[in-house]
């Protein structure tokens, strides 16, 4: 290792170990491991259909976010379409395997598709007729 020049002369830095590396597993590490173990148990005990339905709802919400952005912003139809396709892939691809979630998710997907078509139609009408209010 090289030395450092200081006003008091050359200084040889000491090798300093990181406290985390030298301390080993402390009480915080044990608590984190225990919490992770509990979370894994909870996740393993949750039916997979429930978790997939939760993800489908997250994609549904994401699609709505892109279909109805903040005021003054146009909808992002490409991003909404991708999120809708993600919902469809889960709902239509898994079908009856979603158990009790199948029907509510199918209805949510149908409503989302209708909203997409309506918003796309309105966006197309606005593009065709920008600012012409005499109609």
C-alpha atoms as a PDB file:
ATOM      1  CA  UNK A   1       0.000   0.000   0.000  1.00  0.00           C
ATOM      2  CA  UNK A   2       1.255   3.489  -0.749  1.00  0.00           C
ATOM      3  CA  UNK A   3       1.676   6.303   1.717  1.00  0.00           C
ATOM      4  CA  UNK A   4      -0.081   9.652   1.861  1.00  0.00           C
ATOM      5  CA  UNK A   5       1.689  12.945   2.228  1.00  0.00           C
ATOM      6  CA  UNK A   6       0.397  15.048   5.084  1.00  0.00           C
ATOM      7  CA  UNK A   7       1.772  18.295   6.548  1.00  0.00           C
ATOM      8  CA  UNK A   8       3.126  16.198   9.393  1.00  0.00           C
ATOM      9  CA  UNK A   9       5.009  13.912   6.992  1.00  0.00           C
ATOM     10  CA  UNK A  10       4.325  10.654   5.207  1.00  0.00           C
ATOM     11  CA  UNK A  11       1.449   8.667   6.606  1.00  0.00           C
ATOM     12  CA  UNK A  12       0.849   4.951   6.148  1.00  0.00           C
ATOM     13  CA  UNK A  13      -2.951   4.338   6.157  1.00  0.00           C
ATOM     14  CA  UNK A  14      -3.995   1.411   8.292  1.00  0.00           C
ATOM     15  CA  UNK A  15      -6.007  -1.395   6.781  1.00  0.00           C
ATOM     16  CA  UNK A  16      -9.465  -0.807   8.104  1.00  0.00           C
ATOM     17  CA  UNK A  17     -12.033  -3.533   7.837  1.00  0.00           C
ATOM     18  CA  UNK A  18     -15.627  -2.619   7.221  1.00  0.00           C
ATOM     19  CA  UNK A  19     -17.576  -2.941  10.474  1.00  0.00           C
ATOM     20  CA  UNK A  20     -20.241  -5.035   8.746  1.00  0.00           C
ATOM     21  CA  UNK A  21     -17.729  -7.525   7.435  1.00  0.00           C
ATOM     22  CA  UNK A  22     -15.860  -7.953  10.697  1.00  0.00           C
ATOM     23  CA  UNK A  23     -18.819  -7.919  13.043  1.00  0.00           C
ATOM     24  CA  UNK A  24     -20.497 -11.008  11.602  1.00  0.00           C
ATOM     25  CA  UNK A  25     -24.185 -11.518  12.052  1.00  0.00           C
ATOM     26  CA  UNK A  26     -25.465  -8.973  14.540  1.00  0.00           C
ATOM     27  CA  UNK A  27     -28.896  -8.650  16.096  1.00  0.00           C
ATOM     28  CA  UNK A  28     -30.145  -6.585  13.139  1.00  0.00           C
ATOM     29  CA  UNK A  29     -29.041  -9.306  10.721  1.00  0.00           C
ATOM     30  CA  UNK A  30     -30.862 -11.936  12.743  1.00  0.00           C
ATOM     31  CA  UNK A  31     -34.040  -9.840  12.873  1.00  0.00           C
ATOM     32  CA  UNK A  32     -33.875  -9.255   9.115  1.00  0.00           C
ATOM     33  CA  UNK A  33     -33.398 -12.974   8.464  1.00  0.00           C
ATOM     34  CA  UNK A  34     -36.344 -13.816  10.713  1.00  0.00           C
ATOM     35  CA  UNK A  35     -38.539 -11.237   9.004  1.00  0.00           C
ATOM     36  CA  UNK A  36     -37.546 -12.598   5.591  1.00  0.00           C
ATOM     37  CA  UNK A  37     -38.337 -16.143   6.742  1.00  0.00           C
ATOM     38  CA  UNK A  38     -41.791 -15.025   7.934  1.00  0.00           C
ATOM     39  CA  UNK A  39     -42.480 -13.234   4.650  1.00  0.00           C
ATOM     40  CA  UNK A  40     -41.463 -16.329   2.685  1.00  0.00           C
ATOM     41  CA  UNK A  41     -43.831 -18.448   4.787  1.00  0.00           C
ATOM     42  CA  UNK A  42     -46.693 -16.009   4.188  1.00  0.00           C
ATOM     43  CA  UNK A  43     -46.015 -15.939   0.456  1.00  0.00           C
ATOM     44  CA  UNK A  44     -45.831 -19.726   0.255  1.00  0.00           C
ATOM     45  CA  UNK A  45     -49.130 -20.005   2.159  1.00  0.00           C
ATOM     46  CA  UNK A  46     -50.928 -17.607  -0.218  1.00  0.00           C
ATOM     47  CA  UNK A  47     -52.690 -19.293  -3.141  1.00  0.00           C
ATOM     48  CA  UNK A  48     -50.869 -18.515  -6.377  1.00  0.00           C
ATOM     49  CA  UNK A  49     -54.174 -17.560  -8.030  1.00  0.00           C
ATOM     50  CA  UNK A  50     -54.523 -14.752  -5.455  1.00  0.00           C
ATOM     51  CA  UNK A  51     -51.049 -13.449  -6.225  1.00  0.00           C
ATOM     52  CA  UNK A  52     -51.616 -13.572  -9.990  1.00  0.00           C
ATOM     53  CA  UNK A  53     -54.958 -11.792  -9.574  1.00  0.00           C
ATOM     54  CA  UNK A  54     -53.179  -9.120  -7.562  1.00  0.00           C
ATOM     55  CA  UNK A  55     -50.672  -8.628 -10.379  1.00  0.00           C
ATOM     56  CA  UNK A  56     -53.477  -8.507 -12.946  1.00  0.00           C
ATOM     57  CA  UNK A  57     -55.163  -5.752 -10.936  1.00  0.00           C
ATOM     58  CA  UNK A  58     -51.855  -3.888 -10.803  1.00  0.00           C
ATOM     59  CA  UNK A  59     -51.615  -4.033 -14.606  1.00  0.00           C
ATOM     60  CA  UNK A  60     -55.263  -2.972 -14.854  1.00  0.00           C
ATOM     61  CA  UNK A  61     -54.507   0.075 -12.679  1.00  0.00           C
ATOM     62  CA  UNK A  62     -51.436   0.832 -14.781  1.00  0.00           C
ATOM     63  CA  UNK A  63     -53.544   0.775 -17.954  1.00  0.00           C
ATOM     64  CA  UNK A  64     -56.041   3.177 -16.370  1.00  0.00           C
ATOM     65  CA  UNK A  65     -53.205   5.464 -15.360  1.00  0.00           C
ATOM     66  CA  UNK A  66     -52.080   5.708 -18.980  1.00  0.00           C
ATOM     67  CA  UNK A  67     -55.633   6.082 -20.271  1.00  0.00           C
ATOM     68  CA  UNK A  68     -56.439   8.953 -17.908  1.00  0.00           C
ATOM     69  CA  UNK A  69     -53.273  10.969 -17.268  1.00  0.00           C
ATOM     70  CA  UNK A  70     -53.137  14.298 -15.460  1.00  0.00           C
ATOM     71  CA  UNK A  71     -55.283  17.103 -16.828  1.00  0.00           C
ATOM     72  CA  UNK A  72     -53.888  18.616 -19.981  1.00  0.00           C
ATOM     73  CA  UNK A  73     -51.908  15.510 -20.877  1.00  0.00           C
ATOM     74  CA  UNK A  74     -52.989  13.175 -23.666  1.00  0.00           C
ATOM     75  CA  UNK A  75     -53.538   9.492 -22.926  1.00  0.00           C
ATOM     76  CA  UNK A  76     -50.579   7.259 -23.706  1.00  0.00           C
ATOM     77  CA  UNK A  77     -52.403   4.680 -25.796  1.00  0.00           C
ATOM     78  CA  UNK A  78     -49.343   2.570 -26.586  1.00  0.00           C
ATOM     79  CA  UNK A  79     -48.450   2.141 -22.921  1.00  0.00           C
ATOM     80  CA  UNK A  80     -52.105   1.508 -22.019  1.00  0.00           C
ATOM     81  CA  UNK A  81     -52.358  -1.099 -24.782  1.00  0.00           C
ATOM     82  CA  UNK A  82     -49.322  -2.946 -23.442  1.00  0.00           C
ATOM     83  CA  UNK A  83     -50.747  -3.018 -19.906  1.00  0.00           C
ATOM     84  CA  UNK A  84     -54.122  -4.205 -21.246  1.00  0.00           C
ATOM     85  CA  UNK A  85     -52.390  -6.944 -23.221  1.00  0.00           C
ATOM     86  CA  UNK A  86     -50.610  -7.980 -20.017  1.00  0.00           C
ATOM     87  CA  UNK A  87     -53.933  -8.266 -18.177  1.00  0.00           C
ATOM     88  CA  UNK A  88     -55.373 -10.222 -21.104  1.00  0.00           C
ATOM     89  CA  UNK A  89     -52.401 -12.584 -21.183  1.00  0.00           C
ATOM     90  CA  UNK A  90     -52.957 -13.453 -17.537  1.00  0.00           C
ATOM     91  CA  UNK A  91     -56.756 -13.577 -17.555  1.00  0.00           C
ATOM     92  CA  UNK A  92     -57.317 -15.272 -20.886  1.00  0.00           C
ATOM     93  CA  UNK A  93     -54.193 -17.375 -20.755  1.00  0.00           C
ATOM     94  CA  UNK A  94     -54.931 -18.854 -17.341  1.00  0.00           C
ATOM     95  CA  UNK A  95     -58.727 -18.917 -17.577  1.00  0.00           C
ATOM     96  CA  UNK A  96     -60.312 -21.295 -15.069  1.00  0.00           C
ATOM     97  CA  UNK A  97     -57.022 -21.784 -13.264  1.00  0.00           C
ATOM     98  CA  UNK A  98     -57.618 -18.342 -11.713  1.00  0.00           C
ATOM     99  CA  UNK A  99     -60.465 -19.967  -9.758  1.00  0.00           C
ATOM    100  CA  UNK A 100     -62.712 -17.398  -8.043  1.00  0.00           C
ATOM    101  CA  UNK A 101     -60.794 -14.508  -9.645  1.00  0.00           C
ATOM    102  CA  UNK A 102     -61.583 -15.527 -13.221  1.00  0.00           C
ATOM    103  CA  UNK A 103     -64.972 -13.856 -13.650  1.00  0.00           C
ATOM    104  CA  UNK A 104     -64.213 -10.539 -11.894  1.00  0.00           C
ATOM    105  CA  UNK A 105     -60.965 -10.246 -13.854  1.00  0.00           C
ATOM    106  CA  UNK A 106     -62.731 -11.014 -17.145  1.00  0.00           C
ATOM    107  CA  UNK A 107     -65.261  -8.270 -16.387  1.00  0.00           C
ATOM    108  CA  UNK A 108     -62.500  -5.826 -15.442  1.00  0.00           C
ATOM    109  CA  UNK A 109     -60.653  -6.639 -18.670  1.00  0.00           C
ATOM    110  CA  UNK A 110     -63.817  -6.124 -20.742  1.00  0.00           C
ATOM    111  CA  UNK A 111     -64.442  -2.732 -19.126  1.00  0.00           C
ATOM    112  CA  UNK A 112     -60.820  -1.756 -19.668  1.00  0.00           C
ATOM    113  CA  UNK A 113     -61.023  -2.667 -23.350  1.00  0.00           C
ATOM    114  CA  UNK A 114     -64.228  -0.649 -23.747  1.00  0.00           C
ATOM    115  CA  UNK A 115     -62.582   2.348 -22.095  1.00  0.00           C
ATOM    116  CA  UNK A 116     -59.563   1.983 -24.394  1.00  0.00           C
ATOM    117  CA  UNK A 117     -61.780   1.911 -27.498  1.00  0.00           C
ATOM    118  CA  UNK A 118     -63.751   4.956 -26.329  1.00  0.00           C
ATOM    119  CA  UNK A 119     -60.656   6.969 -25.438  1.00  0.00           C
ATOM    120  CA  UNK A 120     -58.984   5.979 -28.718  1.00  0.00           C
ATOM    121  CA  UNK A 121     -62.122   7.069 -30.609  1.00  0.00           C
ATOM    122  CA  UNK A 122     -62.181  10.417 -28.795  1.00  0.00           C
ATOM    123  CA  UNK A 123     -58.451  10.937 -29.357  1.00  0.00           C
ATOM    124  CA  UNK A 124     -58.940  10.200 -33.063  1.00  0.00           C
ATOM    125  CA  UNK A 125     -61.844  12.642 -33.285  1.00  0.00           C
ATOM    126  CA  UNK A 126     -59.783  15.324 -31.566  1.00  0.00           C
ATOM    127  CA  UNK A 127     -56.904  14.734 -33.997  1.00  0.00           C
ATOM    128  CA  UNK A 128     -59.250  14.923 -36.991  1.00  0.00           C
ATOM    129  CA  UNK A 129     -60.902  18.129 -35.819  1.00  0.00           C
ATOM    130  CA  UNK A 130     -58.417  20.200 -33.793  1.00  0.00           C
ATOM    131  CA  UNK A 131     -60.023  23.369 -32.510  1.00  0.00           C
ATOM    132  CA  UNK A 132     -63.055  23.348 -34.838  1.00  0.00           C
ATOM    133  CA  UNK A 133     -65.895  24.089 -32.439  1.00  0.00           C
ATOM    134  CA  UNK A 134     -68.419  25.238 -35.032  1.00  0.00           C
ATOM    135  CA  UNK A 135     -69.698  21.675 -35.583  1.00  0.00           C
END
